[in-house]
Amino acid sequence: MRMHRLGRLFSLDRYRQCRELFEHPARAHLALTGVTQGPFTLEFKRGGALEFPKFRKVRSLWTYLFADPARLRGLEVVEGTLAFPFEGTTIYVRPVSFDFPIFTEVFVEDVYRLKTLGKLGTVVDLGANIGLFSTRAAMLGAERVIAIEPVSANRVLAERHFAAAGVADRVTLIDKAVTGTSGETVAIHLSAENSGAHSVDRGMAGIQGGAGVEQVQTISLADLFAEHGVERCDLLKCDVEGAEFEIVLATPHEVLQRIARLAMEVHLTPDTPADRYPALKAHLEGSGFALVEEEGPLFEGTLQQYMLTGTR
């Protein structure tokens, strides 16, 4: 392992790339081998500097960027984010966040199979985060996307992604939290280490470090459909960090029956009642969905995820 790292440390090609990118190439090259411990700062020749956490947390990001010279040539710092080109648009990721893994899931791995679904009409994105799924759906031809994201910092980047991709005119961004009822004020518990884990469930966000709260208004799925005239939803994506149980179980069958396809992340913690997940699946099946379940990762030994796909 040590010799492998030393080989990377003295890689002439990598050092040349660092010379083109960074103000202090030797220091940057050392940091990007993972030899140094703790957070590190990179100063870019194009202007700006970003502080990154321990290298192991951003290894996949830099492996991806260094794999393609075109990505490196387009790399720049934009208002506290690292921006890089991808298929005709620009992706913005925060250095201390879960933004890059979400980009990988949506754009690279296509976990929601957007490329296989053909042209979509209305897409609803519950838990839009920084807008990557909504952006991708619109880029692939969705006629209308309704994106719901309660966290203000995420919405800023979502709007930036919509503008960069030229799809802002087809995406409606809503600053509410979808729950079982409308018109309430709830606290979104912010995760310090995972920007994809903000949740109305304090325990969910706390699994990866609490970082305060943000107060937001709620809307039910039925009221969301009514307010935005959704008679048919070609695809509903739901990744709401534990709120999926309340949302689904509070939604009448006649509303769920307007949804042609469902892609939902299900989150189970030790505090999740044993009957909640079976009840969620039974309610969806009662509205006519045929469900396929894929077991996902186990985080911190306590948070089990599943991907639930529903078709008709």
Protein backbone atom coordinates (compact mmCIF):
# COMPACT_ATOMS: atom_id res chain seq x y z
CA MET A 1 0.00 0.00 0.00
CA ARG A 2 2.80 2.44 0.88
CA MET A 3 4.64 1.77 -2.39
CA HIS A 4 1.38 2.22 -4.30
CA ARG A 5 0.85 5.61 -2.70
CA LEU A 6 4.42 6.63 -3.34
CA GLY A 7 3.92 5.70 -6.98
CA ARG A 8 1.00 8.06 -7.15
CA LEU A 9 2.90 10.69 -5.21
CA PHE A 10 5.68 10.82 -7.79
CA SER A 11 3.42 10.46 -10.84
CA LEU A 12 4.77 12.93 -13.39
CA ASP A 13 1.48 13.06 -15.29
CA ARG A 14 -0.52 13.83 -12.15
CA TYR A 15 1.98 16.48 -11.11
CA ARG A 16 1.70 18.14 -14.54
CA GLN A 17 -2.07 18.22 -14.12
CA CYS A 18 -1.66 19.79 -10.70
CA ARG A 19 0.67 22.43 -12.16
CA GLU A 20 -2.05 23.43 -14.62
CA LEU A 21 -4.76 23.56 -11.97
CA PHE A 22 -3.34 24.75 -8.68
CA GLU A 23 -1.29 27.62 -7.29
CA HIS A 24 0.80 25.25 -5.16
CA PRO A 25 1.03 22.09 -7.29
CA ALA A 26 3.41 20.13 -5.08
CA ARG A 27 1.25 20.72 -2.02
CA ALA A 28 -1.89 19.89 -3.98
CA HIS A 29 -0.32 16.74 -5.43
CA LEU A 30 0.60 15.57 -1.95
CA ALA A 31 -2.89 16.24 -0.60
CA LEU A 32 -4.54 14.42 -3.49
CA THR A 33 -2.57 11.23 -2.86
CA GLY A 34 -4.22 10.78 0.53
CA VAL A 35 -0.86 10.74 2.31
CA THR A 36 -1.60 13.85 4.37
CA GLN A 37 -4.03 13.61 7.26
CA GLY A 38 -6.99 15.85 7.94
CA PRO A 39 -8.66 18.58 5.86
CA PHE A 40 -6.75 20.34 3.09
CA THR A 41 -7.15 23.49 1.01
CA LEU A 42 -6.66 23.78 -2.75
CA GLU A 43 -5.99 27.15 -4.38
CA PHE A 44 -6.96 27.26 -8.05
CA LYS A 45 -5.10 29.18 -10.74
CA ARG A 46 -8.39 30.34 -12.20
CA GLY A 47 -9.18 31.93 -8.87
CA GLY A 48 -10.72 30.82 -5.63
CA ALA A 49 -9.86 28.27 -2.99
CA LEU A 50 -11.80 25.42 -1.43
CA GLU A 51 -11.26 23.49 1.78
CA PHE A 52 -11.87 19.76 1.55
CA PRO A 53 -12.35 17.19 4.33
CA LYS A 54 -10.15 14.14 4.77
CA PHE A 55 -9.08 12.79 1.40
CA ARG A 56 -10.93 9.49 1.83
CA LYS A 57 -14.20 11.43 1.77
CA VAL A 58 -13.44 13.04 -1.60
CA ARG A 59 -11.33 10.30 -3.18
CA SER A 60 -14.10 9.29 -5.60
CA LEU A 61 -14.61 12.91 -6.68
CA TRP A 62 -10.97 13.47 -7.57
CA THR A 63 -10.60 10.03 -9.15
CA TYR A 64 -13.52 10.93 -11.42
CA LEU A 65 -12.15 14.38 -12.29
CA PHE A 66 -8.59 13.25 -13.02
CA ALA A 67 -9.89 10.44 -15.27
CA ASP A 68 -10.86 12.91 -18.02
CA PRO A 69 -8.67 15.86 -19.11
CA ALA A 70 -11.78 17.67 -20.40
CA ARG A 71 -13.23 17.72 -16.88
CA LEU A 72 -10.00 19.18 -15.51
CA ARG A 73 -9.86 21.85 -18.20
CA GLY A 74 -13.37 22.97 -17.29
CA LEU A 75 -12.81 22.87 -13.53
CA GLU A 76 -13.41 26.11 -11.61
CA VAL A 77 -14.54 27.47 -8.26
CA VAL A 78 -17.98 29.10 -8.32
CA GLU A 79 -19.36 30.65 -5.13
CA GLY A 80 -18.03 28.00 -2.78
CA THR A 81 -18.63 25.07 -5.11
CA LEU A 82 -16.45 23.02 -7.42
CA ALA A 83 -17.89 23.26 -10.94
CA PHE A 84 -17.12 20.82 -13.76
CA PRO A 85 -18.65 20.11 -17.19
CA PHE A 86 -20.85 17.11 -17.96
CA GLU A 87 -22.69 16.40 -21.22
CA GLY A 88 -23.43 19.98 -22.16
CA THR A 89 -24.14 21.33 -18.71
CA THR A 90 -22.22 22.26 -15.56
CA ILE A 91 -22.34 20.36 -12.27
CA TYR A 92 -21.77 22.21 -8.99
CA VAL A 93 -20.73 20.28 -5.88
CA ARG A 94 -19.88 21.51 -2.41
CA PRO A 95 -16.56 20.21 -1.04
CA VAL A 96 -18.06 19.14 2.30
CA SER A 97 -21.29 17.47 1.22
CA PHE A 98 -22.92 14.42 -0.32
CA ASP A 99 -23.37 16.23 -3.65
CA PHE A 100 -20.91 14.19 -5.69
CA PRO A 101 -22.31 10.75 -4.72
CA ILE A 102 -25.77 12.01 -5.68
CA PHE A 103 -24.40 13.22 -9.03
CA THR A 104 -22.85 9.78 -9.58
CA GLU A 105 -26.12 8.00 -8.80
CA VAL A 106 -28.23 10.21 -11.07
CA PHE A 107 -25.96 11.09 -14.00
CA VAL A 108 -23.34 8.33 -14.15
CA GLU A 109 -25.02 5.20 -12.76
CA ASP A 110 -28.57 6.24 -13.75
CA VAL A 111 -30.04 4.48 -10.71
CA TYR A 112 -33.48 5.87 -11.55
CA ARG A 113 -33.19 4.47 -15.12
CA LEU A 114 -34.17 7.80 -16.63
CA LYS A 115 -32.46 6.97 -19.91
CA THR A 116 -34.67 3.91 -20.39
CA LEU A 117 -38.04 5.56 -19.75
CA GLY A 118 -38.42 7.53 -22.96
CA LYS A 119 -39.97 10.98 -23.07
CA LEU A 120 -41.90 11.79 -19.91
CA GLY A 121 -44.74 14.23 -19.35
CA THR A 122 -44.98 15.34 -15.71
CA VAL A 123 -42.27 14.30 -13.26
CA VAL A 124 -42.56 14.99 -9.52
CA ASP A 125 -39.36 15.07 -7.45
CA LEU A 126 -39.93 14.79 -3.69
CA GLY A 127 -36.69 15.67 -1.93
CA ALA A 128 -35.04 17.43 -4.87
CA ASN A 129 -31.88 18.26 -2.91
CA ILE A 130 -29.61 20.29 -5.25
CA GLY A 131 -31.78 19.53 -8.25
CA LEU A 132 -29.70 16.87 -9.98
CA PHE A 133 -32.54 14.40 -10.59
CA SER A 134 -34.88 17.16 -11.76
CA THR A 135 -32.18 18.56 -14.03
CA ARG A 136 -31.47 15.16 -15.56
CA ALA A 137 -35.16 14.39 -16.11
CA ALA A 138 -35.66 17.73 -17.86
CA MET A 139 -32.48 17.31 -19.93
CA LEU A 140 -33.82 13.96 -21.13
CA GLY A 141 -37.04 15.57 -22.31
CA ALA A 142 -39.55 15.67 -19.44
CA GLU A 143 -42.19 18.23 -20.34
CA ARG A 144 -42.68 19.43 -16.76
CA VAL A 145 -40.85 18.78 -13.51
CA ILE A 146 -42.20 19.74 -10.08
CA ALA A 147 -39.31 19.74 -7.61
CA ILE A 148 -39.91 20.03 -3.86
CA GLU A 149 -36.96 20.90 -1.63
CA PRO A 150 -37.35 22.40 1.85
CA VAL A 151 -33.69 23.28 2.59
CA SER A 152 -32.73 26.75 1.35
CA ALA A 153 -29.03 26.02 0.71
CA ASN A 154 -29.99 23.09 -1.50
CA ARG A 155 -32.49 25.20 -3.44
CA VAL A 156 -29.79 27.74 -4.33
CA LEU A 157 -27.78 25.03 -6.07
CA ALA A 158 -30.89 23.51 -7.63
CA GLU A 159 -31.70 26.81 -9.32
CA ARG A 160 -28.09 27.05 -10.51
CA HIS A 161 -28.29 23.58 -12.04
CA PHE A 162 -31.60 24.34 -13.78
CA ALA A 163 -30.13 27.51 -15.29
CA ALA A 164 -26.89 25.84 -16.39
CA ALA A 165 -28.79 23.07 -18.18
CA GLY A 166 -31.25 25.48 -19.80
CA VAL A 167 -34.28 23.77 -18.25
CA ALA A 168 -35.44 26.38 -15.73
CA ASP A 169 -38.56 27.12 -17.77
CA ARG A 170 -39.74 23.51 -17.33
CA VAL A 171 -38.96 23.07 -13.63
CA THR A 172 -41.08 24.44 -10.79
CA LEU A 173 -39.14 24.57 -7.51
CA ILE A 174 -41.24 24.54 -4.33
CA ASP A 175 -39.86 25.54 -0.93
CA LYS A 176 -41.93 23.22 1.22
CA ALA A 177 -41.69 19.80 2.84
CA VAL A 178 -44.06 17.09 1.67
CA THR A 179 -45.57 15.27 4.65
CA GLY A 180 -48.93 13.75 5.49
CA THR A 181 -50.70 17.08 6.06
CA SER A 182 -50.65 20.61 4.66
CA GLY A 183 -50.26 23.99 6.32
CA GLU A 184 -48.11 23.00 9.28
CA THR A 185 -44.68 24.31 10.24
CA VAL A 186 -42.08 21.62 10.80
CA ALA A 187 -38.39 21.58 11.64
CA ILE A 188 -36.05 20.11 9.06
CA HIS A 189 -33.13 18.66 11.01
CA LEU A 190 -29.90 19.32 9.13
CA SER A 191 -27.16 16.72 8.89
CA ALA A 192 -23.64 18.07 9.40
CA GLU A 193 -21.89 15.38 7.36
CA ASN A 194 -24.43 14.35 4.72
CA SER A 195 -26.24 17.06 2.77
CA GLY A 196 -28.50 14.33 1.42
CA ALA A 197 -29.74 13.34 4.89
CA HIS A 198 -31.62 16.45 6.07
CA SER A 199 -34.89 15.18 7.49
CA VAL A 200 -38.05 15.96 9.43
CA ASP A 201 -36.89 13.01 11.52
CA ARG A 202 -34.33 14.22 14.08
CA GLY A 203 -32.93 10.71 14.41
CA MET A 204 -32.35 10.36 10.67
CA ALA A 205 -30.29 13.55 10.41
CA GLY A 206 -28.54 12.85 13.70
CA ILE A 207 -27.18 9.52 12.48
CA GLN A 208 -24.58 11.49 10.53
CA GLY A 209 -24.24 14.53 12.76
CA GLY A 210 -26.76 17.24 13.67
CA ALA A 211 -26.31 20.78 12.31
CA GLY A 212 -29.34 22.71 13.52
CA VAL A 213 -32.81 23.07 12.06
CA GLU A 214 -34.69 24.99 9.39
CA GLN A 215 -38.40 25.77 9.77
CA VAL A 216 -40.56 25.08 6.70
CA GLN A 217 -44.20 24.78 5.69
CA THR A 218 -45.70 21.40 4.82
CA ILE A 219 -47.89 20.22 1.97
CA SER A 220 -49.48 16.82 1.43
CA LEU A 221 -49.01 14.93 -1.81
CA ALA A 222 -52.73 15.19 -2.57
CA ASP A 223 -52.68 18.98 -2.14
CA LEU A 224 -49.47 19.26 -4.17
CA PHE A 225 -51.15 17.47 -7.07
CA ALA A 226 -54.27 19.63 -6.72
CA GLU A 227 -52.40 22.96 -6.55
CA HIS A 228 -50.27 22.16 -9.59
CA GLY A 229 -52.91 20.45 -11.68
CA VAL A 230 -51.27 17.03 -11.76
CA GLU A 231 -53.81 14.71 -13.35
CA ARG A 232 -51.13 12.24 -14.43
CA CYS A 233 -47.62 11.85 -13.03
CA ASP A 234 -45.42 9.81 -15.35
CA LEU A 235 -42.73 9.42 -12.68
CA LEU A 236 -42.69 10.18 -8.97
CA LYS A 237 -39.23 10.11 -7.39
CA CYS A 238 -39.26 10.14 -3.59
CA ASP A 239 -36.14 10.47 -1.44
CA VAL A 240 -37.26 12.23 1.72
CA GLU A 241 -35.16 10.61 4.45
CA GLY A 242 -37.84 8.84 6.44
CA ALA A 243 -40.88 11.00 5.63
CA GLU A 244 -41.95 8.53 2.93
CA PHE A 245 -44.07 6.52 5.37
CA GLU A 246 -46.21 9.46 6.44
CA ILE A 247 -46.53 10.74 2.86
CA VAL A 248 -47.63 7.45 1.31
CA LEU A 249 -49.95 6.30 4.09
CA ALA A 250 -51.76 9.68 4.11
CA THR A 251 -52.29 9.72 0.33
CA PRO A 252 -55.62 8.31 -0.91
CA HIS A 253 -55.58 5.53 -3.50
CA GLU A 254 -57.27 7.76 -6.07
CA VAL A 255 -54.30 10.15 -5.91
CA LEU A 256 -51.69 7.39 -6.03
CA GLN A 257 -53.48 5.93 -9.06
CA ARG A 258 -52.49 9.03 -11.06
CA ILE A 259 -48.84 7.98 -10.77
CA ALA A 260 -47.62 5.74 -13.58
CA ARG A 261 -44.21 4.93 -12.15
CA LEU A 262 -42.66 5.28 -8.70
CA ALA A 263 -39.02 5.32 -7.59
CA MET A 264 -38.69 5.60 -3.82
CA GLU A 265 -35.85 5.31 -1.34
CA VAL A 266 -37.05 3.73 1.89
CA HIS A 267 -35.12 4.46 5.08
CA LEU A 268 -35.32 2.16 8.10
CA THR A 269 -33.73 2.94 11.47
CA PRO A 270 -33.94 1.05 14.78
CA ASP A 271 -36.75 3.47 15.73
CA THR A 272 -38.90 2.64 12.70
CA PRO A 273 -41.95 0.64 13.86
CA ALA A 274 -41.83 -2.89 12.48
CA ASP A 275 -45.20 -2.56 10.75
CA ARG A 276 -44.45 0.70 8.88
CA TYR A 277 -42.65 -0.67 5.84
CA PRO A 278 -45.13 -3.53 5.26
CA ALA A 279 -47.97 -1.01 5.61
CA LEU A 280 -46.35 1.31 3.05
CA LYS A 281 -45.96 -1.52 0.54
CA ALA A 282 -49.50 -2.75 1.13
CA HIS A 283 -50.92 0.75 0.56
CA LEU A 284 -49.00 1.14 -2.69
CA GLU A 285 -50.03 -2.31 -3.89
CA GLY A 286 -53.62 -1.48 -2.96
CA SER A 287 -53.48 1.43 -5.41
CA GLY A 288 -52.39 -0.92 -8.20
CA PHE A 289 -48.59 -0.77 -8.12
CA ALA A 290 -46.46 -3.83 -8.81
CA LEU A 291 -43.44 -3.35 -6.57
CA VAL A 292 -39.81 -4.38 -6.95
CA GLU A 293 -37.49 -3.99 -3.96
CA GLU A 294 -33.71 -3.66 -4.10
CA GLU A 295 -31.72 -3.71 -0.87
CA GLY A 296 -29.39 -0.75 -0.55
CA PRO A 297 -26.52 0.15 1.78
CA LEU A 298 -26.40 0.05 5.56
CA PHE A 299 -25.11 3.37 6.97
CA GLU A 300 -23.39 3.67 10.32
CA GLY A 301 -24.66 0.20 11.18
CA THR A 302 -28.16 1.58 11.86
CA LEU A 303 -29.72 3.08 8.71
CA GLN A 304 -30.89 0.50 6.18
CA GLN A 305 -31.97 1.72 2.75
CA TYR A 306 -34.09 0.09 0.06
CA MET A 307 -34.97 1.22 -3.46
CA LEU A 308 -38.63 0.56 -4.13
CA THR A 309 -39.82 0.74 -7.75
CA GLY A 310 -43.51 0.73 -8.59
CA THR A 311 -44.99 0.16 -12.04
CA ARG A 312 -48.45 -0.51 -13.46
